[in-house]
Amino acid sequence: MLTVKTLLAPDAFGGTGLFAADFIKSGTRLWSYDPAVDFFYTLEDYVRLPLEKRKDIGRHVYPTYLGGAAGIMYSLDNDRYMNHSEQPNAGRRKMHGMDSSIFDARNDSVYALADIPAGGEITANYFHFLPEGFTDYFSEHIPLLSFLRTKS
């Protein structure tokens, strides 16, 4: 669930992006898991969904772990419009003593990695959330994530 005010607006790719409604200071928590807003599907459960449901939510999901299970997250709030960037301004903070290679939505949050001006697009690097070893699986079963295959 987003913890800051955001707005939706056209992005540079011809779609919709997530933008800061107000100035966001670096280090501010932007998102934390809330099961009332953020729906997690294991990979197996996602593939079992009816095709129309997968098409409906498939353009707004991102790969992650939750409680050690690999899957996808679909948020009911504006978070689902956060676009991928190789130079993101949102992501996981490196915490002393934590395994920085695994993002688990149950235990981790997303933070502003830099100051984000009001009206600035909020982006994340999807590879920082991708469960290890599942690049091909995601790119095969979620067509809009097919670009993930280019990094494997």
C-alpha atoms as a PDB file:
ATOM      1  CA  MET A   1       0.000   0.000   0.000  1.00  0.00           C
ATOM      2  CA  LEU A   2       1.332   3.389  -0.913  1.00  0.00           C
ATOM      3  CA  THR A   3       2.147   5.556   2.093  1.00  0.00           C
ATOM      4  CA  VAL A   4       2.545   8.851   0.193  1.00  0.00           C
ATOM      5  CA  LYS A   5       0.164  10.922  -1.915  1.00  0.00           C
ATOM      6  CA  THR A   6       0.427  10.146  -5.611  1.00  0.00           C
ATOM      7  CA  LEU A   7      -1.312  10.914  -8.845  1.00  0.00           C
ATOM      8  CA  LEU A   8      -1.579   9.196 -12.189  1.00  0.00           C
ATOM      9  CA  ALA A   9      -0.528  10.927 -15.398  1.00  0.00           C
ATOM     10  CA  PRO A  10       0.716  10.066 -18.888  1.00  0.00           C
ATOM     11  CA  ASP A  11       4.246   8.659 -18.843  1.00  0.00           C
ATOM     12  CA  ALA A  12       7.047   8.919 -21.395  1.00  0.00           C
ATOM     13  CA  PHE A  13       6.037   5.573 -22.948  1.00  0.00           C
ATOM     14  CA  GLY A  14       2.486   6.516 -23.915  1.00  0.00           C
ATOM     15  CA  GLY A  15       0.930   4.805 -20.917  1.00  0.00           C
ATOM     16  CA  THR A  16       0.123   5.814 -17.373  1.00  0.00           C
ATOM     17  CA  GLY A  17       2.716   6.387 -14.687  1.00  0.00           C
ATOM     18  CA  LEU A  18       2.832   6.992 -10.952  1.00  0.00           C
ATOM     19  CA  PHE A  19       3.804  10.526  -9.946  1.00  0.00           C
ATOM     20  CA  ALA A  20       4.470  12.227  -6.608  1.00  0.00           C
ATOM     21  CA  ALA A  21       1.657  14.577  -5.568  1.00  0.00           C
ATOM     22  CA  ASP A  22       4.025  16.357  -3.156  1.00  0.00           C
ATOM     23  CA  PHE A  23       7.792  16.560  -2.669  1.00  0.00           C
ATOM     24  CA  ILE A  24       9.133  13.270  -1.283  1.00  0.00           C
ATOM     25  CA  LYS A  25      12.389  13.332   0.676  1.00  0.00           C
ATOM     26  CA  SER A  26      14.973  10.616   0.072  1.00  0.00           C
ATOM     27  CA  GLY A  27      14.529   7.810   2.611  1.00  0.00           C
ATOM     28  CA  THR A  28      10.755   8.229   2.907  1.00  0.00           C
ATOM     29  CA  ARG A  29       8.859   4.947   2.989  1.00  0.00           C
ATOM     30  CA  LEU A  30       6.668   4.843  -0.140  1.00  0.00           C
ATOM     31  CA  TRP A  31       5.082   1.414   0.108  1.00  0.00           C
ATOM     32  CA  SER A  32       4.572  -1.412   2.554  1.00  0.00           C
ATOM     33  CA  TYR A  33       2.575  -4.600   2.184  1.00  0.00           C
ATOM     34  CA  ASP A  34      -1.074  -4.461   3.251  1.00  0.00           C
ATOM     35  CA  PRO A  35      -3.101  -7.580   2.388  1.00  0.00           C
ATOM     36  CA  ALA A  36      -6.284  -5.496   2.190  1.00  0.00           C
ATOM     37  CA  VAL A  37      -4.820  -3.555  -0.770  1.00  0.00           C
ATOM     38  CA  ASP A  38      -1.963  -5.697  -2.135  1.00  0.00           C
ATOM     39  CA  PHE A  39      -2.983  -9.070  -3.545  1.00  0.00           C
ATOM     40  CA  PHE A  40      -0.300 -11.729  -3.817  1.00  0.00           C
ATOM     41  CA  TYR A  41      -0.633 -14.698  -6.158  1.00  0.00           C
ATOM     42  CA  THR A  42       1.861 -17.538  -6.167  1.00  0.00           C
ATOM     43  CA  LEU A  43       3.088 -18.336  -9.658  1.00  0.00           C
ATOM     44  CA  GLU A  44       0.944 -21.466  -9.700  1.00  0.00           C
ATOM     45  CA  ASP A  45      -2.188 -19.592  -8.556  1.00  0.00           C
ATOM     46  CA  TYR A  46      -1.642 -16.856 -11.124  1.00  0.00           C
ATOM     47  CA  VAL A  47      -1.366 -19.356 -13.997  1.00  0.00           C
ATOM     48  CA  ARG A  48      -4.595 -21.036 -12.794  1.00  0.00           C
ATOM     49  CA  LEU A  49      -6.583 -17.784 -12.949  1.00  0.00           C
ATOM     50  CA  PRO A  50      -9.027 -17.509 -15.858  1.00  0.00           C
ATOM     51  CA  LEU A  51      -7.369 -16.021 -18.934  1.00  0.00           C
ATOM     52  CA  GLU A  52      -9.527 -12.870 -18.813  1.00  0.00           C
ATOM     53  CA  LYS A  53      -8.530 -12.215 -15.183  1.00  0.00           C
ATOM     54  CA  ARG A  54      -4.841 -12.696 -16.047  1.00  0.00           C
ATOM     55  CA  LYS A  55      -5.218 -10.279 -18.972  1.00  0.00           C
ATOM     56  CA  ASP A  56      -6.985  -7.769 -16.725  1.00  0.00           C
ATOM     57  CA  ILE A  57      -4.393  -7.711 -13.950  1.00  0.00           C
ATOM     58  CA  GLY A  58      -1.343  -8.861 -15.956  1.00  0.00           C
ATOM     59  CA  ARG A  59      -0.453  -5.368 -17.092  1.00  0.00           C
ATOM     60  CA  HIS A  60      -0.290  -4.136 -13.492  1.00  0.00           C
ATOM     61  CA  VAL A  61       1.605  -6.849 -11.627  1.00  0.00           C
ATOM     62  CA  TYR A  62       5.201  -7.158 -10.590  1.00  0.00           C
ATOM     63  CA  PRO A  63       7.240 -10.142  -9.458  1.00  0.00           C
ATOM     64  CA  THR A  64       8.128 -10.550  -5.803  1.00  0.00           C
ATOM     65  CA  TYR A  65       8.404 -12.912  -2.861  1.00  0.00           C
ATOM     66  CA  LEU A  66       5.940 -13.003   0.005  1.00  0.00           C
ATOM     67  CA  GLY A  67       6.783 -15.118   3.008  1.00  0.00           C
ATOM     68  CA  GLY A  68       9.378 -16.956   0.922  1.00  0.00           C
ATOM     69  CA  ALA A  69       6.947 -17.873  -1.891  1.00  0.00           C
ATOM     70  CA  ALA A  70       7.638 -16.583  -5.414  1.00  0.00           C
ATOM     71  CA  GLY A  71       4.749 -14.853  -7.122  1.00  0.00           C
ATOM     72  CA  ILE A  72       3.259 -11.612  -8.323  1.00  0.00           C
ATOM     73  CA  MET A  73       1.724  -8.645  -6.534  1.00  0.00           C
ATOM     74  CA  TYR A  74      -1.317  -6.737  -7.741  1.00  0.00           C
ATOM     75  CA  SER A  75      -2.222  -3.591  -5.820  1.00  0.00           C
ATOM     76  CA  LEU A  76      -5.612  -1.920  -5.761  1.00  0.00           C
ATOM     77  CA  ASP A  77      -4.057   1.489  -5.165  1.00  0.00           C
ATOM     78  CA  ASN A  78      -1.954   3.572  -7.577  1.00  0.00           C
ATOM     79  CA  ASP A  79       1.128   1.427  -6.845  1.00  0.00           C
ATOM     80  CA  ARG A  80       0.184  -0.783  -9.791  1.00  0.00           C
ATOM     81  CA  TYR A  81       1.187   2.079 -12.122  1.00  0.00           C
ATOM     82  CA  MET A  82       4.808   2.282 -10.941  1.00  0.00           C
ATOM     83  CA  ASN A  83       6.953   1.833 -14.048  1.00  0.00           C
ATOM     84  CA  HIS A  84      10.290   0.069 -14.432  1.00  0.00           C
ATOM     85  CA  SER A  85      13.501   2.084 -14.728  1.00  0.00           C
ATOM     86  CA  GLU A  86      17.170   1.175 -14.871  1.00  0.00           C
ATOM     87  CA  GLN A  87      17.790   4.318 -12.774  1.00  0.00           C
ATOM     88  CA  PRO A  88      14.921   4.081 -10.266  1.00  0.00           C
ATOM     89  CA  ASN A  89      14.138   6.590  -7.558  1.00  0.00           C
ATOM     90  CA  ALA A  90      12.268   3.987  -5.460  1.00  0.00           C
ATOM     91  CA  GLY A  91      13.408   0.639  -4.121  1.00  0.00           C
ATOM     92  CA  ARG A  92      14.587  -1.340  -1.157  1.00  0.00           C
ATOM     93  CA  ARG A  93      17.008   0.287   1.241  1.00  0.00           C
ATOM     94  CA  LYS A  94      20.061  -1.785   2.001  1.00  0.00           C
ATOM     95  CA  MET A  95      19.776  -2.768   5.629  1.00  0.00           C
ATOM     96  CA  HIS A  96      22.777  -3.920   7.683  1.00  0.00           C
ATOM     97  CA  GLY A  97      22.668  -7.665   8.201  1.00  0.00           C
ATOM     98  CA  MET A  98      19.920  -8.297   5.623  1.00  0.00           C
ATOM     99  CA  ASP A  99      20.283 -10.340   2.461  1.00  0.00           C
ATOM    100  CA  SER A 100      20.014  -7.555  -0.091  1.00  0.00           C
ATOM    101  CA  SER A 101      19.490 -10.001  -2.970  1.00  0.00           C
ATOM    102  CA  ILE A 102      15.982 -11.021  -1.869  1.00  0.00           C
ATOM    103  CA  PHE A 103      13.053  -8.644  -1.503  1.00  0.00           C
ATOM    104  CA  ASP A 104      10.269 -10.219   0.550  1.00  0.00           C
ATOM    105  CA  ALA A 105       7.173  -8.006   0.582  1.00  0.00           C
ATOM    106  CA  ARG A 106       6.142  -9.259   4.014  1.00  0.00           C
ATOM    107  CA  ASN A 107       9.360  -7.988   5.629  1.00  0.00           C
ATOM    108  CA  ASP A 108      10.564  -5.209   3.327  1.00  0.00           C
ATOM    109  CA  SER A 109       9.237  -1.842   2.253  1.00  0.00           C
ATOM    110  CA  VAL A 110       9.910   0.421  -0.724  1.00  0.00           C
ATOM    111  CA  TYR A 111      11.612   3.750  -0.049  1.00  0.00           C
ATOM    112  CA  ALA A 112      12.521   6.876  -1.979  1.00  0.00           C
ATOM    113  CA  LEU A 113      16.135   6.361  -3.046  1.00  0.00           C
ATOM    114  CA  ALA A 114      16.482  10.055  -3.923  1.00  0.00           C
ATOM    115  CA  ASP A 115      14.468  13.217  -3.462  1.00  0.00           C
ATOM    116  CA  ILE A 116      11.420  13.096  -5.743  1.00  0.00           C
ATOM    117  CA  PRO A 117       9.983  16.475  -6.710  1.00  0.00           C
ATOM    118  CA  ALA A 118       6.245  17.079  -6.759  1.00  0.00           C
ATOM    119  CA  GLY A 119       5.120  15.909 -10.176  1.00  0.00           C
ATOM    120  CA  GLY A 120       8.144  13.605 -10.577  1.00  0.00           C
ATOM    121  CA  GLU A 121       7.521  10.054 -11.753  1.00  0.00           C
ATOM    122  CA  ILE A 122       8.139   7.352  -9.160  1.00  0.00           C
ATOM    123  CA  THR A 123       9.926   4.352 -10.700  1.00  0.00           C
ATOM    124  CA  ALA A 124      11.458   1.091  -9.516  1.00  0.00           C
ATOM    125  CA  ASN A 125      13.810  -1.440 -11.052  1.00  0.00           C
ATOM    126  CA  TYR A 126      11.679  -4.586 -11.350  1.00  0.00           C
ATOM    127  CA  PHE A 127      14.820  -6.726 -11.264  1.00  0.00           C
ATOM    128  CA  HIS A 128      15.310  -5.746  -7.617  1.00  0.00           C
ATOM    129  CA  PHE A 129      12.023  -7.520  -6.795  1.00  0.00           C
ATOM    130  CA  LEU A 130      12.365 -10.500  -9.137  1.00  0.00           C
ATOM    131  CA  PRO A 131      12.670 -13.833  -7.335  1.00  0.00           C
ATOM    132  CA  GLU A 132      15.943 -15.500  -8.300  1.00  0.00           C
ATOM    133  CA  GLY A 133      15.645 -18.156 -10.955  1.00  0.00           C
ATOM    134  CA  PHE A 134      12.204 -17.068 -12.183  1.00  0.00           C
ATOM    135  CA  THR A 135      13.104 -14.661 -15.000  1.00  0.00           C
ATOM    136  CA  ASP A 136      12.035 -17.001 -17.800  1.00  0.00           C
ATOM    137  CA  TYR A 137       8.916 -18.122 -15.926  1.00  0.00           C
ATOM    138  CA  PHE A 138       7.698 -14.551 -15.491  1.00  0.00           C
ATOM    139  CA  SER A 139       8.524 -13.519 -19.030  1.00  0.00           C
ATOM    140  CA  GLU A 140       6.732 -16.593 -20.434  1.00  0.00           C
ATOM    141  CA  HIS A 141       3.558 -16.409 -18.326  1.00  0.00           C
ATOM    142  CA  ILE A 142       3.133 -12.653 -18.002  1.00  0.00           C
ATOM    143  CA  PRO A 143       3.548 -11.195 -21.510  1.00  0.00           C
ATOM    144  CA  LEU A 144       4.006  -7.596 -20.382  1.00  0.00           C
ATOM    145  CA  LEU A 145       7.002  -8.721 -18.329  1.00  0.00           C
ATOM    146  CA  SER A 146       8.672 -10.334 -21.358  1.00  0.00           C
ATOM    147  CA  PHE A 147      11.391  -7.653 -21.260  1.00  0.00           C
ATOM    148  CA  LEU A 148      12.682  -9.382 -18.125  1.00  0.00           C
ATOM    149  CA  ARG A 149      14.091 -12.155 -20.309  1.00  0.00           C
ATOM    150  CA  THR A 150      16.618  -9.744 -21.834  1.00  0.00           C
ATOM    151  CA  LYS A 151      18.448  -9.544 -18.500  1.00  0.00           C
ATOM    152  CA  SER A 152      18.778 -13.235 -17.735  1.00  0.00           C
END
